[in-house]
Amino acid sequence: MTHRTVLVINSGSSSIKYQLIDPDTAESLASGLVERIGEESGAITHKHSGEKLTESHPIADHGEGLRLVIELCDRVGPNLQESGVVAVGHRVVQGGKHFDRATLVDEAVLAQITELNPLAPLHNPANVRGIEVARELLPDVPHVAVFDTAFFGELPAAASTYALDREIAEKYSIRRYGFHGTSHQFVSRTVSEFLGREDLKQVVLHLGNGASASAVVAGHAVDTSMGLTPLEGLVMGTRTGDIDPAVAFHLCRVAGMDVKEIDDLFNKRSGLKGLTGHNDMRVVRGLAEEGDEGAILALGVYTHRLRKYIGAYAAVMGGIDALTFTAGVGENNVELRTEVAEGLEFLGIHVDPDRNAVRASGPHVISPDGAAVTVLVVPTNEELEIARQSVALLEN
């Protein structure tokens, strides 16, 4: 097979995260981050062949940022022209009802993605800008958009529909979209391959600063915890997760808070941060071990919500075969995995202490032999999934 690579780009409002990946071997040839675009002091970090180069200077816009990426690849390596780049894969947060799979970007597709900006005002405009700039600078290779929402695009109507006035919901495109779909798809497929079964009923817990759960049956998502936005669902680093919507009305009436203030409170000043002052699970865990009552309560709220979703999804699927932890917190927090499993023995969920303590680079089982539910830890790799979806699209 001819050597080929995909340049994966995740463009944020003031950043560009990138990685050059061989989709066939899963090898990362280079990766990096352009930060603080448009600010007084920008920075770019580039990793290649075990070495890391960091430069700090103003970076005016995304165009200049991506030019720096290409220039660094040429100067430090690997040279993009010599690396067999067959596609540029772009992470796009919101695909709306238009996009339920990876899509080749042309002017019409770009216009449709731009129309979705109101559904993801913090993310989609930056994603669009990244695509525009990359197409200008790398015009000779196909560009593919891979959507965070795509894996959940075919949720059953009963799972995706809110009990809201139908005309309002349809007019303003209000439904459950779900997010982290690229991760949930990668992890659930990895579990199926690892266990050699395609008929699995799976619960996947993507636990990072943002956190989401999914229910997956035979490779197809049937439910997910995030909704119209990434705010709904699990307790997160700075987000509330599930909360009575009337809390917003109450704060408006009693505290005089406006929509912007409530949005900021729910999304940026709540979750673990709101309960403890810290959004880093490692810090919260450390405080709890020192006896801090606020941190102990925060962990209790966090794990209580997780257990509720696992139980709910077991009910939705009519059983559960596999429970998987992934992302930064899920992959690294041994104690949390034990705490989540406690009380779920009636579902067949058990965690083996010795297996749970093992840190492995690949998928590994942490439940005891013979357990009714296989509990796993699977490192996620959204960039690899974007690369693989990009080449799969071009081959079809």
Protein backbone atom coordinates (compact mmCIF):
# COMPACT_ATOMS: atom_id res chain seq x y z
CA MET A 1 0.00 0.00 0.00
CA THR A 2 1.30 3.44 -0.92
CA HIS A 3 2.18 5.57 2.08
CA ARG A 4 -0.56 8.15 2.68
CA THR A 5 -1.42 10.68 5.37
CA VAL A 6 -4.26 12.97 6.41
CA LEU A 7 -3.77 16.42 7.91
CA VAL A 8 -6.42 16.76 10.63
CA ILE A 9 -7.37 20.29 11.65
CA ASN A 10 -9.46 21.37 14.63
CA SER A 11 -9.94 25.12 14.37
CA GLY A 12 -11.13 26.99 17.46
CA SER A 13 -12.03 30.64 17.94
CA SER A 14 -8.42 31.57 18.76
CA SER A 15 -6.55 28.34 18.09
CA ILE A 16 -5.68 25.67 15.54
CA LYS A 17 -4.99 22.14 16.74
CA TYR A 18 -3.47 19.90 14.07
CA GLN A 19 -2.09 16.43 13.51
CA LEU A 20 -0.59 14.61 10.53
CA ILE A 21 -1.74 10.99 10.69
CA ASP A 22 -1.18 7.80 8.73
CA PRO A 23 -4.73 6.35 8.78
CA ASP A 24 -3.49 2.87 7.92
CA THR A 25 -0.94 2.49 10.73
CA ALA A 26 -2.50 5.01 13.17
CA GLU A 27 0.93 6.66 13.44
CA SER A 28 1.05 10.36 14.24
CA LEU A 29 3.86 11.90 12.19
CA ALA A 30 3.46 15.40 13.62
CA SER A 31 1.13 17.37 15.84
CA GLY A 32 0.84 20.83 17.26
CA LEU A 33 -1.17 23.74 18.52
CA VAL A 34 -1.42 27.36 17.42
CA GLU A 35 -2.68 29.43 20.35
CA ARG A 36 -3.89 32.95 21.15
CA ILE A 37 -4.59 33.86 17.52
CA GLY A 38 -5.40 37.57 17.21
CA GLU A 39 -4.00 38.40 20.65
CA GLU A 40 -0.87 40.39 21.53
CA SER A 41 1.19 37.29 22.22
CA GLY A 42 0.53 34.19 20.13
CA ALA A 43 2.31 30.85 20.29
CA ILE A 44 2.81 27.69 18.23
CA THR A 45 4.00 24.32 19.47
CA HIS A 46 5.08 21.70 16.92
CA LYS A 47 5.98 18.08 17.72
CA HIS A 48 7.82 15.77 15.31
CA SER A 49 10.04 12.70 15.77
CA GLY A 50 10.05 13.05 19.54
CA GLU A 51 11.13 16.69 19.49
CA LYS A 52 9.05 19.73 20.45
CA LEU A 53 9.56 23.24 19.09
CA THR A 54 7.79 26.25 20.60
CA GLU A 55 7.71 29.76 19.14
CA SER A 56 6.03 32.84 20.62
CA HIS A 57 5.03 35.89 18.57
CA PRO A 58 1.82 37.61 17.44
CA ILE A 59 -0.34 35.58 15.05
CA ALA A 60 -2.79 37.91 13.34
CA ASP A 61 -5.43 35.47 12.12
CA HIS A 62 -6.16 31.85 11.21
CA GLY A 63 -4.60 32.33 7.78
CA GLU A 64 -1.28 33.31 9.29
CA GLY A 65 -1.61 30.51 11.84
CA LEU A 66 -2.05 27.81 9.22
CA ARG A 67 0.75 29.27 7.10
CA LEU A 68 2.99 28.87 10.15
CA VAL A 69 1.93 25.23 10.48
CA ILE A 70 2.84 24.51 6.86
CA GLU A 71 6.11 26.43 7.17
CA LEU A 72 7.08 24.53 10.33
CA CYS A 73 6.31 21.21 8.68
CA ASP A 74 8.60 22.20 5.79
CA ARG A 75 11.34 23.50 8.10
CA VAL A 76 11.22 21.00 10.96
CA GLY A 77 9.37 18.13 9.32
CA PRO A 78 7.63 16.30 8.01
CA ASN A 79 7.35 18.07 4.64
CA LEU A 80 3.68 17.94 3.64
CA GLN A 81 4.38 17.56 -0.08
CA GLU A 82 6.58 14.56 0.61
CA SER A 83 4.28 12.99 3.20
CA GLY A 84 1.62 11.75 0.80
CA VAL A 85 -1.20 13.95 2.10
CA VAL A 86 -4.37 12.61 0.47
CA ALA A 87 -6.88 14.74 2.39
CA VAL A 88 -7.36 17.44 4.99
CA GLY A 89 -9.88 16.36 7.62
CA HIS A 90 -11.69 19.12 9.51
CA ARG A 91 -13.48 18.74 12.83
CA VAL A 92 -16.82 20.57 12.71
CA VAL A 93 -18.86 20.69 15.90
CA GLN A 94 -22.42 21.08 14.60
CA GLY A 95 -23.75 19.28 11.53
CA GLY A 96 -27.42 19.95 12.22
CA LYS A 97 -29.89 17.75 10.38
CA HIS A 98 -27.97 18.11 7.11
CA PHE A 99 -24.87 16.06 7.91
CA ASP A 100 -24.96 12.58 9.45
CA ARG A 101 -21.62 11.46 7.97
CA ALA A 102 -18.25 12.74 6.78
CA THR A 103 -18.76 15.06 3.80
CA LEU A 104 -16.52 16.35 1.00
CA VAL A 105 -16.34 20.13 1.27
CA ASP A 106 -17.38 22.32 -1.64
CA GLU A 107 -18.90 25.79 -1.73
CA ALA A 108 -22.43 24.49 -1.16
CA VAL A 109 -21.39 22.38 1.84
CA LEU A 110 -19.45 25.29 3.31
CA ALA A 111 -22.53 27.50 2.95
CA GLN A 112 -24.68 24.89 4.74
CA ILE A 113 -22.18 24.62 7.60
CA THR A 114 -22.16 28.41 7.88
CA GLU A 115 -25.98 28.40 8.12
CA LEU A 116 -25.63 26.23 11.23
CA ASN A 117 -23.64 28.92 13.08
CA PRO A 118 -26.61 29.91 15.30
CA LEU A 119 -26.74 26.34 16.68
CA ALA A 120 -23.03 26.45 17.67
CA PRO A 121 -22.04 30.12 17.81
CA LEU A 122 -18.83 29.47 19.76
CA HIS A 123 -17.54 26.70 17.50
CA ASN A 124 -18.92 26.53 13.96
CA PRO A 125 -17.75 30.00 12.83
CA ALA A 126 -14.17 29.07 13.78
CA ASN A 127 -14.54 25.66 12.13
CA VAL A 128 -15.72 27.38 8.94
CA ARG A 129 -12.83 29.84 9.01
CA GLY A 130 -10.37 26.99 9.38
CA ILE A 131 -11.83 25.23 6.36
CA GLU A 132 -11.76 28.42 4.26
CA VAL A 133 -8.11 29.11 5.08
CA ALA A 134 -7.01 25.51 4.60
CA ARG A 135 -8.70 25.30 1.20
CA GLU A 136 -6.87 28.44 0.11
CA LEU A 137 -3.47 27.22 1.30
CA LEU A 138 -3.87 23.56 0.34
CA PRO A 139 -6.02 23.71 -2.80
CA ASP A 140 -4.74 20.53 -4.44
CA VAL A 141 -6.10 18.00 -1.93
CA PRO A 142 -9.71 17.22 -1.00
CA HIS A 143 -11.06 18.68 2.23
CA VAL A 144 -13.45 16.61 4.35
CA ALA A 145 -15.72 17.84 7.15
CA VAL A 146 -16.28 15.38 10.01
CA PHE A 147 -19.04 16.39 12.40
CA ASP A 148 -19.23 15.94 16.18
CA THR A 149 -22.97 15.41 15.81
CA ALA A 150 -22.89 12.95 12.88
CA PHE A 151 -22.80 9.71 14.90
CA PHE A 152 -26.02 10.80 16.58
CA GLY A 153 -27.69 11.99 13.39
CA GLU A 154 -29.85 8.87 13.16
CA LEU A 155 -30.98 8.67 16.78
CA PRO A 156 -34.48 7.20 17.09
CA ALA A 157 -37.04 9.99 16.97
CA ALA A 158 -38.15 9.15 20.51
CA ALA A 159 -34.61 9.87 21.74
CA SER A 160 -33.89 12.96 19.65
CA THR A 161 -37.23 14.76 20.08
CA TYR A 162 -37.93 17.18 22.93
CA ALA A 163 -41.49 17.47 24.27
CA LEU A 164 -41.66 21.05 23.01
CA ASP A 165 -44.24 22.77 20.81
CA ARG A 166 -43.63 21.08 17.46
CA GLU A 167 -43.86 24.22 15.32
CA ILE A 168 -41.35 26.05 17.52
CA ALA A 169 -39.01 23.06 17.56
CA GLU A 170 -39.12 22.68 13.77
CA LYS A 171 -38.80 26.40 13.06
CA TYR A 172 -35.71 26.79 15.22
CA SER A 173 -34.17 23.32 14.63
CA ILE A 174 -34.47 22.28 18.27
CA ARG A 175 -33.71 18.60 18.90
CA ARG A 176 -31.13 16.43 20.60
CA TYR A 177 -28.00 16.57 18.44
CA GLY A 178 -25.41 15.11 20.82
CA PHE A 179 -21.68 15.86 20.72
CA HIS A 180 -18.35 14.04 21.08
CA GLY A 181 -19.78 11.77 18.39
CA THR A 182 -16.42 11.19 16.74
CA SER A 183 -15.07 9.87 20.04
CA HIS A 184 -18.13 7.74 20.79
CA GLN A 185 -17.98 6.23 17.30
CA PHE A 186 -14.25 5.47 17.54
CA VAL A 187 -14.50 3.95 21.01
CA SER A 188 -17.65 1.87 20.42
CA ARG A 189 -16.17 0.46 17.20
CA THR A 190 -12.88 -0.28 18.97
CA VAL A 191 -14.76 -2.17 21.70
CA SER A 192 -16.66 -4.24 19.12
CA GLU A 193 -13.43 -5.14 17.34
CA PHE A 194 -11.60 -5.83 20.62
CA LEU A 195 -14.34 -8.15 21.90
CA GLY A 196 -15.07 -9.64 18.47
CA ARG A 197 -18.79 -8.87 18.60
CA GLU A 198 -20.90 -6.59 16.41
CA ASP A 199 -24.16 -7.06 18.32
CA LEU A 200 -23.05 -5.39 21.56
CA LYS A 201 -25.25 -3.20 23.73
CA GLN A 202 -22.75 -0.58 24.88
CA VAL A 203 -22.58 2.39 27.21
CA VAL A 204 -19.65 4.70 26.44
CA LEU A 205 -18.62 7.36 28.97
CA HIS A 206 -16.50 10.13 27.43
CA LEU A 207 -15.25 11.88 30.54
CA GLY A 208 -13.04 14.91 30.07
CA ASN A 209 -13.55 18.56 30.98
CA GLY A 210 -16.59 18.11 28.77
CA ALA A 211 -18.40 14.83 29.44
CA SER A 212 -21.03 12.79 27.65
CA ALA A 213 -22.57 9.32 27.66
CA SER A 214 -23.94 7.29 24.78
CA ALA A 215 -25.98 4.14 24.32
CA VAL A 216 -24.88 2.15 21.27
CA VAL A 217 -26.56 -0.99 19.92
CA ALA A 218 -24.83 -3.01 17.19
CA GLY A 219 -22.73 0.01 16.21
CA HIS A 220 -25.63 2.49 16.06
CA ALA A 221 -26.25 5.22 18.63
CA VAL A 222 -29.70 5.01 20.22
CA ASP A 223 -29.29 7.72 22.88
CA THR A 224 -26.82 10.31 24.14
CA SER A 225 -26.63 12.71 27.06
CA MET A 226 -25.80 16.03 25.36
CA GLY A 227 -28.68 17.79 23.65
CA LEU A 228 -29.23 20.87 21.51
CA THR A 229 -25.94 22.08 23.00
CA PRO A 230 -23.13 20.42 24.98
CA LEU A 231 -24.65 21.77 28.23
CA GLU A 232 -27.12 18.95 28.84
CA GLY A 233 -26.30 15.66 30.53
CA LEU A 234 -23.43 14.73 32.82
CA VAL A 235 -21.73 16.97 35.38
CA MET A 236 -18.67 18.48 33.67
CA GLY A 237 -15.64 20.59 34.48
CA THR A 238 -17.48 23.90 34.20
CA ARG A 239 -20.99 22.95 32.94
CA THR A 240 -24.04 22.08 35.03
CA GLY A 241 -25.24 19.18 32.96
CA ASP A 242 -28.90 18.37 33.60
CA ILE A 243 -30.66 21.15 35.50
CA ASP A 244 -34.27 22.28 35.82
CA PRO A 245 -34.74 24.85 32.99
CA ALA A 246 -36.79 26.94 35.41
CA VAL A 247 -33.59 27.71 37.34
CA ALA A 248 -32.86 30.16 34.50
CA PHE A 249 -36.28 31.81 34.91
CA HIS A 250 -35.79 31.95 38.67
CA LEU A 251 -32.38 33.63 38.35
CA CYS A 252 -33.81 36.09 35.86
CA ARG A 253 -36.69 37.06 38.18
CA VAL A 254 -34.99 36.90 41.59
CA ALA A 255 -31.34 37.71 40.84
CA GLY A 256 -31.93 40.04 37.90
CA MET A 257 -29.55 38.04 35.72
CA ASP A 258 -29.87 38.34 31.93
CA VAL A 259 -29.48 35.58 29.32
CA LYS A 260 -25.77 36.22 28.81
CA GLU A 261 -25.05 36.05 32.54
CA ILE A 262 -27.02 32.83 32.97
CA ASP A 263 -25.35 31.30 29.90
CA ASP A 264 -21.95 32.14 31.38
CA LEU A 265 -22.97 30.74 34.78
CA PHE A 266 -24.27 27.43 33.42
CA ASN A 267 -21.46 26.86 30.91
CA LYS A 268 -18.35 28.38 32.51
CA ARG A 269 -18.88 28.70 36.27
CA SER A 270 -20.74 25.54 37.22
CA GLY A 271 -19.99 21.80 37.26
CA LEU A 272 -16.96 20.85 39.33
CA LYS A 273 -15.74 24.44 39.19
CA GLY A 274 -18.99 25.76 40.61
CA LEU A 275 -19.00 23.20 43.41
CA THR A 276 -15.33 23.37 44.37
CA GLY A 277 -13.67 26.31 42.62
CA HIS A 278 -11.66 23.87 40.46
CA ASN A 279 -12.55 22.25 37.15
CA ASP A 280 -9.61 19.81 37.15
CA MET A 281 -10.74 16.39 38.42
CA ARG A 282 -7.24 15.68 39.75
CA VAL A 283 -7.39 18.75 41.99
CA VAL A 284 -10.92 17.92 43.13
CA ARG A 285 -9.87 14.33 43.93
CA GLY A 286 -6.90 15.60 45.93
CA LEU A 287 -9.08 17.95 47.94
CA ALA A 288 -11.56 15.16 48.66
CA GLU A 289 -8.76 12.93 49.92
CA GLU A 290 -7.77 15.75 52.31
CA GLY A 291 -11.32 15.75 53.69
CA ASP A 292 -12.68 18.83 51.90
CA GLU A 293 -16.47 18.49 52.24
CA GLY A 294 -17.23 20.50 49.09
CA ALA A 295 -14.98 18.26 46.99
CA ILE A 296 -16.45 15.10 48.54
CA LEU A 297 -19.94 16.34 47.68
CA ALA A 298 -18.86 17.27 44.14
CA LEU A 299 -17.54 13.76 43.51
CA GLY A 300 -20.77 12.36 44.89
CA VAL A 301 -22.86 14.50 42.54
CA TYR A 302 -20.59 13.61 39.60
CA THR A 303 -20.74 9.83 40.13
CA HIS A 304 -24.46 9.87 41.04
CA ARG A 305 -25.24 11.40 37.65
CA LEU A 306 -23.06 8.83 35.87
CA ARG A 307 -24.79 5.90 37.55
CA LYS A 308 -28.20 7.35 36.66
CA TYR A 309 -27.26 7.46 32.99
CA ILE A 310 -25.80 3.96 32.97
CA GLY A 311 -28.99 2.59 34.51
CA ALA A 312 -31.18 4.60 32.14
CA TYR A 313 -29.28 3.39 29.09
CA ALA A 314 -29.42 -0.22 30.24
CA ALA A 315 -33.20 0.26 30.31
CA VAL A 316 -33.24 1.95 26.87
CA MET A 317 -31.22 -0.90 25.31
CA GLY A 318 -32.87 -3.75 27.22
CA GLY A 319 -29.59 -4.74 28.82
CA ILE A 320 -25.90 -3.94 28.67
CA ASP A 321 -22.93 -5.97 27.43
CA ALA A 322 -20.09 -3.44 27.71
CA LEU A 323 -19.36 -0.30 29.72
CA THR A 324 -16.40 1.76 28.54
CA PHE A 325 -14.52 4.67 30.12
CA THR A 326 -12.63 7.03 27.81
CA ALA A 327 -11.10 10.55 27.53
CA GLY A 328 -8.86 12.26 30.08
CA VAL A 329 -10.80 11.57 33.28
CA GLY A 330 -12.23 8.24 32.15
CA GLU A 331 -8.86 6.87 31.06
CA ASN A 332 -6.83 8.05 34.05
CA ASN A 333 -9.00 8.23 37.18
CA VAL A 334 -8.81 4.78 38.77
CA GLU A 335 -10.85 5.74 41.84
CA LEU A 336 -13.69 7.24 39.80
CA ARG A 337 -14.15 4.03 37.80
CA THR A 338 -14.45 2.06 41.04
CA GLU A 339 -16.94 4.55 42.50
CA VAL A 340 -19.12 4.56 39.38
CA ALA A 341 -19.38 0.75 39.43
CA GLU A 342 -20.38 0.63 43.11
CA GLY A 343 -24.06 -0.12 43.46
CA LEU A 344 -24.42 -1.33 39.85
CA GLU A 345 -23.67 -4.96 40.66
CA PHE A 346 -27.34 -5.80 40.02
CA LEU A 347 -26.69 -4.94 36.35
CA GLY A 348 -23.71 -7.28 36.26
CA ILE A 349 -21.19 -4.44 36.49
CA HIS A 350 -18.08 -5.22 38.54
CA VAL A 351 -14.55 -3.74 38.53
CA ASP A 352 -11.50 -5.84 39.38
CA PRO A 353 -9.18 -3.71 41.60
CA ASP A 354 -5.94 -5.12 40.18
CA ARG A 355 -6.99 -4.80 36.55
CA ASN A 356 -8.38 -1.34 37.18
CA ALA A 357 -5.02 -0.20 38.58
CA VAL A 358 -3.15 -1.15 35.39
CA ARG A 359 -2.31 1.73 33.06
CA ALA A 360 -2.23 0.54 29.47
CA SER A 361 -1.78 2.39 26.17
CA GLY A 362 -4.49 0.40 24.42
CA PRO A 363 -7.93 -1.06 25.16
CA HIS A 364 -8.02 -3.18 28.31
CA VAL A 365 -10.65 -4.95 30.37
CA ILE A 366 -11.02 -3.97 34.04
CA SER A 367 -13.89 -6.31 34.97
CA PRO A 368 -13.25 -9.79 36.41
CA ASP A 369 -13.38 -12.91 34.27
CA GLY A 370 -16.92 -14.15 33.78
CA ALA A 371 -18.60 -10.83 34.59
CA ALA A 372 -21.95 -10.34 32.84
CA VAL A 373 -20.86 -6.87 31.68
CA THR A 374 -17.39 -6.29 30.26
CA VAL A 375 -16.02 -3.05 31.71
CA LEU A 376 -13.19 -1.49 29.70
CA VAL A 377 -10.88 1.48 29.45
CA VAL A 378 -10.29 2.53 25.83
CA PRO A 379 -8.11 5.53 24.92
CA THR A 380 -10.01 7.71 22.49
CA ASN A 381 -8.43 9.10 19.33
CA GLU A 382 -10.72 11.57 17.59
CA GLU A 383 -7.99 12.70 15.18
CA LEU A 384 -7.43 9.16 13.96
CA GLU A 385 -11.17 8.69 13.53
CA ILE A 386 -11.36 11.90 11.46
CA ALA A 387 -8.43 10.69 9.33
CA ARG A 388 -10.01 7.29 8.76
CA GLN A 389 -13.42 8.73 7.93
CA SER A 390 -11.75 11.12 5.48
CA VAL A 391 -9.99 8.37 3.51
CA ALA A 392 -13.04 6.07 3.69
CA LEU A 393 -15.13 8.82 2.07
CA LEU A 394 -12.61 9.26 -0.74
CA GLU A 395 -12.48 5.52 -1.41
CA ASN A 396 -16.25 5.22 -1.84
